[in-house]
PDB file of N, CA and C in Angstrom:
ATOM      1  N   UNK A   1       0.965  -1.252  -0.053  1.00  0.00           N
ATOM      2  CA  UNK A   1       0.036  -0.180   0.024  1.00  0.00           C
ATOM      3  C   UNK A   1       0.919   1.180  -0.181  1.00  0.00           C
ATOM      4  N   UNK A   2       0.728   2.009  -1.203  1.00  0.00           N
ATOM      5  CA  UNK A   2       1.097   3.684  -0.637  1.00  0.00           C
ATOM      6  C   UNK A   2       1.157   4.205   0.321  1.00  0.00           C
ATOM      7  N   UNK A   3       1.947   5.347   0.222  1.00  0.00           N
ATOM      8  CA  UNK A   3       1.979   6.669   1.470  1.00  0.00           C
ATOM      9  C   UNK A   3       0.499   7.247   1.103  1.00  0.00           C
ATOM     10  N   UNK A   4       0.501   7.629   0.047  1.00  0.00           N
ATOM     11  CA  UNK A   4      -0.919   8.756  -0.355  1.00  0.00           C
ATOM     12  C   UNK A   4      -2.343   7.885   0.423  1.00  0.00           C
ATOM     13  N   UNK A   5      -2.463   5.864   0.107  1.00  0.00           N
ATOM     14  CA  UNK A   5      -3.019   5.394   0.531  1.00  0.00           C
ATOM     15  C   UNK A   5      -3.300   5.023   2.216  1.00  0.00           C
ATOM     16  N   UNK A   6      -2.224   4.987   2.987  1.00  0.00           N
ATOM     17  CA  UNK A   6      -2.383   4.903   4.083  1.00  0.00           C
ATOM     18  C   UNK A   6      -2.833   6.133   4.365  1.00  0.00           C
ATOM     19  N   UNK A   7      -2.543   7.396   4.183  1.00  0.00           N
ATOM     20  CA  UNK A   7      -3.086   8.690   4.305  1.00  0.00           C
ATOM     21  C   UNK A   7      -4.676   8.743   4.344  1.00  0.00           C
ATOM     22  N   UNK A   8      -5.229   8.039   2.945  1.00  0.00           N
ATOM     23  CA  UNK A   8      -6.249   8.440   2.619  1.00  0.00           C
ATOM     24  C   UNK A   8      -7.324   7.684   3.909  1.00  0.00           C
ATOM     25  N   UNK A   9      -6.728   6.335   4.204  1.00  0.00           N
ATOM     26  CA  UNK A   9      -7.322   5.573   5.447  1.00  0.00           C
ATOM     27  C   UNK A   9      -7.160   6.233   6.599  1.00  0.00           C
ATOM     28  N   UNK A  10      -6.101   6.808   7.171  1.00  0.00           N
ATOM     29  CA  UNK A  10      -6.449   7.713   8.256  1.00  0.00           C
ATOM     30  C   UNK A  10      -7.341   8.292   8.300  1.00  0.00           C
ATOM     31  N   UNK A  11      -7.296   9.137   7.100  1.00  0.00           N
ATOM     32  CA  UNK A  11      -8.260  10.379   6.928  1.00  0.00           C
ATOM     33  C   UNK A  11      -9.937  10.090   6.683  1.00  0.00           C
ATOM     34  N   UNK A  12     -10.394   9.152   6.735  1.00  0.00           N
ATOM     35  CA  UNK A  12     -11.073   8.367   6.398  1.00  0.00           C
ATOM     36  C   UNK A  12     -11.606   7.733   7.519  1.00  0.00           C
ATOM     37  N   UNK A  13     -10.695   7.196   8.120  1.00  0.00           N
ATOM     38  CA  UNK A  13     -11.086   6.799   9.558  1.00  0.00           C
ATOM     39  C   UNK A  13     -11.457   7.945  10.423  1.00  0.00           C
ATOM     40  N   UNK A  14     -10.568   9.148  10.723  1.00  0.00           N
ATOM     41  CA  UNK A  14     -10.709  10.218  11.259  1.00  0.00           C
ATOM     42  C   UNK A  14     -12.163  10.791  11.218  1.00  0.00           C
ATOM     43  N   UNK A  15     -12.576  10.799   9.710  1.00  0.00           N
ATOM     44  CA  UNK A  15     -14.237  11.661   9.532  1.00  0.00           C
ATOM     45  C   UNK A  15     -15.092  10.925  10.083  1.00  0.00           C
ATOM     46  N   UNK A  16     -14.837   9.255  10.388  1.00  0.00           N
ATOM     47  CA  UNK A  16     -15.955   8.404  10.939  1.00  0.00           C
ATOM     48  C   UNK A  16     -15.845   8.317  12.439  1.00  0.00           C
ATOM     49  N   UNK A  17     -14.960   8.923  13.016  1.00  0.00           N
ATOM     50  CA  UNK A  17     -15.152   9.266  14.260  1.00  0.00           C
ATOM     51  C   UNK A  17     -16.676  10.320  14.641  1.00  0.00           C
ATOM     52  N   UNK A  18     -17.517   9.928  15.581  1.00  0.00           N
ATOM     53  CA  UNK A  18     -18.495  10.574  15.601  1.00  0.00           C
ATOM     54  C   UNK A  18     -18.418  11.891  16.578  1.00  0.00           C
ATOM     55  N   UNK A  19     -19.050  12.914  16.864  1.00  0.00           N
ATOM     56  CA  UNK A  19     -19.139  14.305  17.290  1.00  0.00           C
ATOM     57  C   UNK A  19     -19.043  14.013  18.724  1.00  0.00           C
ATOM     58  N   UNK A  20     -18.299  14.513  19.803  1.00  0.00           N
ATOM     59  CA  UNK A  20     -18.604  13.989  20.855  1.00  0.00           C
ATOM     60  C   UNK A  20     -18.738  15.717  21.897  1.00  0.00           C
ATOM     61  N   UNK A  21     -19.651  15.416  22.827  1.00  0.00           N
ATOM     62  CA  UNK A  21     -20.280  16.722  23.555  1.00  0.00           C
ATOM     63  C   UNK A  21     -19.931  15.972  24.894  1.00  0.00           C
ATOM     64  N   UNK A  22     -18.795  16.361  25.598  1.00  0.00           N
ATOM     65  CA  UNK A  22     -18.279  15.878  26.369  1.00  0.00           C
ATOM     66  C   UNK A  22     -19.532  16.246  28.108  1.00  0.00           C
ATOM     67  N   UNK A  23     -19.946  15.661  29.044  1.00  0.00           N
ATOM     68  CA  UNK A  23     -20.544  16.090  29.645  1.00  0.00           C
ATOM     69  C   UNK A  23     -20.233  16.944  30.713  1.00  0.00           C
ATOM     70  N   UNK A  24     -18.555  16.871  30.873  1.00  0.00           N
ATOM     71  CA  UNK A  24     -17.716  17.946  31.936  1.00  0.00           C
ATOM     72  C   UNK A  24     -18.172  19.147  31.517  1.00  0.00           C
ATOM     73  N   UNK A  25     -18.290  19.622  30.183  1.00  0.00           N
ATOM     74  CA  UNK A  25     -18.472  20.656  29.842  1.00  0.00           C
ATOM     75  C   UNK A  25     -19.342  21.477  29.782  1.00  0.00           C
ATOM     76  N   UNK A  26     -20.552  20.613  29.457  1.00  0.00           N
ATOM     77  CA  UNK A  26     -22.242  21.055  29.987  1.00  0.00           C
ATOM     78  C   UNK A  26     -22.269  21.559  31.627  1.00  0.00           C
ATOM     79  N   UNK A  27     -21.930  20.151  31.935  1.00  0.00           N
ATOM     80  CA  UNK A  27     -21.795  20.774  33.798  1.00  0.00           C
ATOM     81  C   UNK A  27     -21.351  22.171  34.175  1.00  0.00           C
ATOM     82  N   UNK A  28     -20.222  22.131  33.641  1.00  0.00           N
ATOM     83  CA  UNK A  28     -18.973  23.465  34.020  1.00  0.00           C
ATOM     84  C   UNK A  28     -20.132  24.787  33.522  1.00  0.00           C
ATOM     85  N   UNK A  29     -20.778  24.914  32.186  1.00  0.00           N
ATOM     86  CA  UNK A  29     -21.360  25.624  31.910  1.00  0.00           C
ATOM     87  C   UNK A  29     -22.659  26.207  32.593  1.00  0.00           C
ATOM     88  N   UNK A  30     -23.006  24.816  33.332  1.00  0.00           N
ATOM     89  CA  UNK A  30     -24.921  25.065  33.988  1.00  0.00           C
ATOM     90  C   UNK A  30     -24.464  25.355  35.431  1.00  0.00           C
ATOM     91  N   UNK A  31     -23.244  25.215  35.944  1.00  0.00           N
ATOM     92  CA  UNK A  31     -23.048  25.305  37.260  1.00  0.00           C
ATOM     93  C   UNK A  31     -22.902  26.862  38.024  1.00  0.00           C
ATOM     94  N   UNK A  32     -23.622  27.714  38.352  1.00  0.00           N
ATOM     95  CA  UNK A  32     -23.555  28.900  38.970  1.00  0.00           C
ATOM     96  C   UNK A  32     -22.231  29.281  39.503  1.00  0.00           C
ATOM     97  N   UNK A  33     -21.854  30.554  38.984  1.00  0.00           N
ATOM     98  CA  UNK A  33     -20.005  31.067  39.926  1.00  0.00           C
ATOM     99  C   UNK A  33     -20.834  31.619  41.374  1.00  0.00           C
ATOM    100  N   UNK A  34     -20.068  31.403  42.420  1.00  0.00           N
ATOM    101  CA  UNK A  34     -20.058  32.110  43.234  1.00  0.00           C
ATOM    102  C   UNK A  34     -18.617  32.677  43.915  1.00  0.00           C
ATOM    103  N   UNK A  35     -18.643  33.744  44.145  1.00  0.00           N
ATOM    104  CA  UNK A  35     -16.834  34.338  44.021  1.00  0.00           C
ATOM    105  C   UNK A  35     -16.393  34.095  42.935  1.00  0.00           C
ATOM    106  N   UNK A  36     -16.395  34.212  41.788  1.00  0.00           N
ATOM    107  CA  UNK A  36     -15.317  34.242  40.446  1.00  0.00           C
ATOM    108  C   UNK A  36     -14.893  32.822  40.839  1.00  0.00           C
ATOM    109  N   UNK A  37     -15.809  31.605  41.477  1.00  0.00           N
ATOM    110  CA  UNK A  37     -15.310  30.028  41.359  1.00  0.00           C
ATOM    111  C   UNK A  37     -16.331  29.836  40.863  1.00  0.00           C
ATOM    112  N   UNK A  38     -16.764  27.964  41.005  1.00  0.00           N
ATOM    113  CA  UNK A  38     -18.197  27.158  40.607  1.00  0.00           C
ATOM    114  C   UNK A  38     -18.531  27.348  42.099  1.00  0.00           C
ATOM    115  N   UNK A  39     -19.677  26.870  42.227  1.00  0.00           N
ATOM    116  CA  UNK A  39     -20.792  27.091  43.061  1.00  0.00           C
ATOM    117  C   UNK A  39     -20.186  25.865  44.026  1.00  0.00           C
ATOM    118  N   UNK A  40     -19.848  25.655  44.856  1.00  0.00           N
ATOM    119  CA  UNK A  40     -19.053  24.198  45.258  1.00  0.00           C
ATOM    120  C   UNK A  40     -20.455  23.816  46.168  1.00  0.00           C
ATOM    121  N   UNK A  41     -21.232  24.464  46.268  1.00  0.00           N
ATOM    122  CA  UNK A  41     -22.287  23.600  47.161  1.00  0.00           C
ATOM    123  C   UNK A  41     -22.848  22.715  45.920  1.00  0.00           C
ATOM    124  N   UNK A  42     -23.410  23.472  44.773  1.00  0.00           N
ATOM    125  CA  UNK A  42     -24.297  23.038  43.968  1.00  0.00           C
ATOM    126  C   UNK A  42     -23.754  22.038  43.446  1.00  0.00           C
ATOM    127  N   UNK A  43     -22.278  21.540  43.038  1.00  0.00           N
ATOM    128  CA  UNK A  43     -21.242  20.536  42.703  1.00  0.00           C
ATOM    129  C   UNK A  43     -21.524  19.465  43.457  1.00  0.00           C
ATOM    130  N   UNK A  44     -21.419  19.760  44.939  1.00  0.00           N
ATOM    131  CA  UNK A  44     -21.441  18.684  45.849  1.00  0.00           C
ATOM    132  C   UNK A  44     -23.180  18.402  45.406  1.00  0.00           C
ATOM    133  N   UNK A  45     -24.109  18.830  45.330  1.00  0.00           N
ATOM    134  CA  UNK A  45     -25.175  18.370  45.373  1.00  0.00           C
ATOM    135  C   UNK A  45     -25.744  17.585  43.964  1.00  0.00           C
ATOM    136  N   UNK A  46     -24.425  17.888  43.083  1.00  0.00           N
ATOM    137  CA  UNK A  46     -25.128  16.910  42.016  1.00  0.00           C
ATOM    138  C   UNK A  46     -23.469  15.703  41.393  1.00  0.00           C
ATOM    139  N   UNK A  47     -22.968  15.613  42.872  1.00  0.00           N
ATOM    140  CA  UNK A  47     -21.652  14.768  43.279  1.00  0.00           C
ATOM    141  C   UNK A  47     -21.731  13.622  42.236  1.00  0.00           C
ATOM    142  N   UNK A  48     -22.749  12.519  41.978  1.00  0.00           N
ATOM    143  CA  UNK A  48     -22.864  11.355  41.185  1.00  0.00           C
ATOM    144  C   UNK A  48     -22.756  11.739  39.472  1.00  0.00           C
ATOM    145  N   UNK A  49     -23.523  13.317  39.513  1.00  0.00           N
ATOM    146  CA  UNK A  49     -23.082  13.543  37.990  1.00  0.00           C
ATOM    147  C   UNK A  49     -22.011  13.630  37.501  1.00  0.00           C
ATOM    148  N   UNK A  50     -21.622  14.645  38.391  1.00  0.00           N
ATOM    149  CA  UNK A  50     -20.176  14.776  38.213  1.00  0.00           C
ATOM    150  C   UNK A  50     -18.880  13.932  38.019  1.00  0.00           C
ATOM    151  N   UNK A  51     -18.777  12.965  39.406  1.00  0.00           N
ATOM    152  CA  UNK A  51     -17.836  12.041  38.833  1.00  0.00           C
ATOM    153  C   UNK A  51     -18.196  11.396  37.514  1.00  0.00           C
ATOM    154  N   UNK A  52     -19.269  10.827  37.124  1.00  0.00           N
ATOM    155  CA  UNK A  52     -19.957  10.009  35.862  1.00  0.00           C
ATOM    156  C   UNK A  52     -19.071  10.785  34.573  1.00  0.00           C
ATOM    157  N   UNK A  53     -18.951  12.346  34.827  1.00  0.00           N
ATOM    158  CA  UNK A  53     -18.432  13.097  33.900  1.00  0.00           C
ATOM    159  C   UNK A  53     -17.154  13.253  33.616  1.00  0.00           C
ATOM    160  N   UNK A  54     -16.621  13.000  34.490  1.00  0.00           N
ATOM    161  CA  UNK A  54     -15.292  13.194  34.755  1.00  0.00           C
ATOM    162  C   UNK A  54     -14.970  11.692  34.578  1.00  0.00           C
ATOM    163  N   UNK A  55     -15.361  10.564  34.659  1.00  0.00           N
ATOM    164  CA  UNK A  55     -15.091   9.042  34.427  1.00  0.00           C
ATOM    165  C   UNK A  55     -15.096   9.401  32.812  1.00  0.00           C
ATOM    166  N   UNK A  56     -16.520  10.239  32.214  1.00  0.00           N
ATOM    167  CA  UNK A  56     -15.980  10.166  30.979  1.00  0.00           C
ATOM    168  C   UNK A  56     -15.165  10.983  30.102  1.00  0.00           C
ATOM    169  N   UNK A  57     -14.945  11.686  30.709  1.00  0.00           N
ATOM    170  CA  UNK A  57     -13.687  12.742  30.163  1.00  0.00           C
ATOM    171  C   UNK A  57     -12.129  11.992  30.291  1.00  0.00           C
ATOM    172  N   UNK A  58     -12.373  11.445  31.329  1.00  0.00           N
ATOM    173  CA  UNK A  58     -10.843  10.474  31.097  1.00  0.00           C
ATOM    174  C   UNK A  58     -10.897   9.240  30.279  1.00  0.00           C
ATOM    175  N   UNK A  59     -12.210   8.924  30.529  1.00  0.00           N
ATOM    176  CA  UNK A  59     -12.111   7.281  29.225  1.00  0.00           C
ATOM    177  C   UNK A  59     -11.830   8.316  27.699  1.00  0.00           C
ATOM    178  N   UNK A  60     -12.359   9.410  27.424  1.00  0.00           N
ATOM    179  CA  UNK A  60     -12.465  10.252  25.727  1.00  0.00           C
ATOM    180  C   UNK A  60     -10.776  10.240  26.040  1.00  0.00           C
ATOM    181  N   UNK A  61     -10.125  11.084  26.995  1.00  0.00           N
ATOM    182  CA  UNK A  61      -8.757  11.529  26.938  1.00  0.00           C
ATOM    183  C   UNK A  61      -8.045  10.267  26.085  1.00  0.00           C
ATOM    184  N   UNK A  62      -7.809   9.339  27.642  1.00  0.00           N
ATOM    185  CA  UNK A  62      -7.553   7.636  27.001  1.00  0.00           C
ATOM    186  C   UNK A  62      -7.529   7.726  25.756  1.00  0.00           C
ATOM    187  N   UNK A  63      -8.646   7.293  25.318  1.00  0.00           N
ATOM    188  CA  UNK A  63      -8.973   6.785  23.909  1.00  0.00           C
ATOM    189  C   UNK A  63      -8.459   7.752  23.104  1.00  0.00           C
ATOM    190  N   UNK A  64      -8.155   9.376  22.824  1.00  0.00           N
ATOM    191  CA  UNK A  64      -7.713   9.938  22.581  1.00  0.00           C
ATOM    192  C   UNK A  64      -5.984   9.877  22.054  1.00  0.00           C
ATOM    193  N   UNK A  65      -5.468   9.713  23.623  1.00  0.00           N
ATOM    194  CA  UNK A  65      -3.889   9.369  23.601  1.00  0.00           C
ATOM    195  C   UNK A  65      -3.827   7.894  23.068  1.00  0.00           C
ATOM    196  N   UNK A  66      -4.552   7.129  22.861  1.00  0.00           N
ATOM    197  CA  UNK A  66      -4.138   5.726  22.350  1.00  0.00           C
ATOM    198  C   UNK A  66      -3.986   5.807  20.937  1.00  0.00           C
ATOM    199  N   UNK A  67      -5.190   6.794  20.289  1.00  0.00           N
ATOM    200  CA  UNK A  67      -5.132   7.237  18.613  1.00  0.00           C
ATOM    201  C   UNK A  67      -4.206   7.593  18.211  1.00  0.00           C
ATOM    202  N   UNK A  68      -3.797   8.425  19.120  1.00  0.00           N
ATOM    203  CA  UNK A  68      -2.454   9.717  18.557  1.00  0.00           C
ATOM    204  C   UNK A  68      -1.243   8.615  18.653  1.00  0.00           C
ATOM    205  N   UNK A  69      -1.479   8.128  19.527  1.00  0.00           N
ATOM    206  CA  UNK A  69      -0.348   6.670  19.613  1.00  0.00           C
ATOM    207  C   UNK A  69       0.058   5.880  18.812  1.00  0.00           C
ATOM    208  N   UNK A  70      -1.033   5.379  18.294  1.00  0.00           N
ATOM    209  CA  UNK A  70      -1.360   4.513  16.761  1.00  0.00           C
ATOM    210  C   UNK A  70      -0.669   5.469  15.760  1.00  0.00           C
ATOM    211  N   UNK A  71      -1.343   6.630  15.622  1.00  0.00           N
ATOM    212  CA  UNK A  71      -1.034   7.254  14.674  1.00  0.00           C
ATOM    213  C   UNK A  71       0.864   7.739  14.602  1.00  0.00           C
ATOM    214  N   UNK A  72       1.313   8.002  15.894  1.00  0.00           N
ATOM    215  CA  UNK A  72       2.867   8.218  15.657  1.00  0.00           C
ATOM    216  C   UNK A  72       3.603   7.156  15.494  1.00  0.00           C
ATOM    217  N   UNK A  73       3.270   5.795  15.930  1.00  0.00           N
ATOM    218  CA  UNK A  73       3.610   4.643  15.074  1.00  0.00           C
ATOM    219  C   UNK A  73       3.445   4.413  13.896  1.00  0.00           C
ATOM    220  N   UNK A  74       2.322   4.755  13.289  1.00  0.00           N
ATOM    221  CA  UNK A  74       2.593   4.556  11.710  1.00  0.00           C
ATOM    222  C   UNK A  74       3.174   5.141  11.106  1.00  0.00           C
ATOM    223  N   UNK A  75       3.520   6.735  11.354  1.00  0.00           N
ATOM    224  CA  UNK A  75       4.469   7.674  11.081  1.00  0.00           C
ATOM    225  C   UNK A  75       6.034   6.633  10.866  1.00  0.00           C
ATOM    226  N   UNK A  76       6.249   6.233  12.041  1.00  0.00           N
ATOM    227  CA  UNK A  76       7.718   5.682  12.349  1.00  0.00           C
ATOM    228  C   UNK A  76       7.777   4.523  11.836  1.00  0.00           C
ATOM    229  N   UNK A  77       6.542   3.820  11.363  1.00  0.00           N
ATOM    230  CA  UNK A  77       7.109   2.582  10.407  1.00  0.00           C
ATOM    231  C   UNK A  77       7.309   3.343   8.925  1.00  0.00           C
ATOM    232  N   UNK A  78       6.553   4.102   8.736  1.00  0.00           N
ATOM    233  CA  UNK A  78       6.456   4.593   7.067  1.00  0.00           C
ATOM    234  C   UNK A  78       8.302   5.017   6.932  1.00  0.00           C
ATOM    235  N   UNK A  79       8.561   5.656   7.910  1.00  0.00           N
ATOM    236  CA  UNK A  79       9.903   6.550   7.994  1.00  0.00           C
ATOM    237  C   UNK A  79      11.241   5.185   7.784  1.00  0.00           C
ATOM    238  N   UNK A  80      10.780   4.127   8.616  1.00  0.00           N
ATOM    239  CA  UNK A  80      11.496   2.971   8.600  1.00  0.00           C
ATOM    240  C   UNK A  80      11.900   2.284   7.143  1.00  0.00           C
ATOM    241  N   UNK A  81      11.014   2.396   6.457  1.00  0.00           N
ATOM    242  CA  UNK A  81      10.981   1.542   5.459  1.00  0.00           C
ATOM    243  C   UNK A  81      11.645   2.322   4.354  1.00  0.00           C
TER     244      UNK A  81
END
């Protein structure tokens, strides 16, 4: 497979990645500010939802790092050939 074919495969794979809206962003935007910071009492009231949003963000970040690492390996492999 040629380099341009590899690039096309990667681009097509990236185009199929669904748009993601992380809940942590929505929560941060929905919690009121108090003295220039997020309202900690409100955050405490929704702590289970916050924990779930944090877990979601960590998972998304982890998968993103795995994808980046995979792409780096593809580039390194091409350079060795």
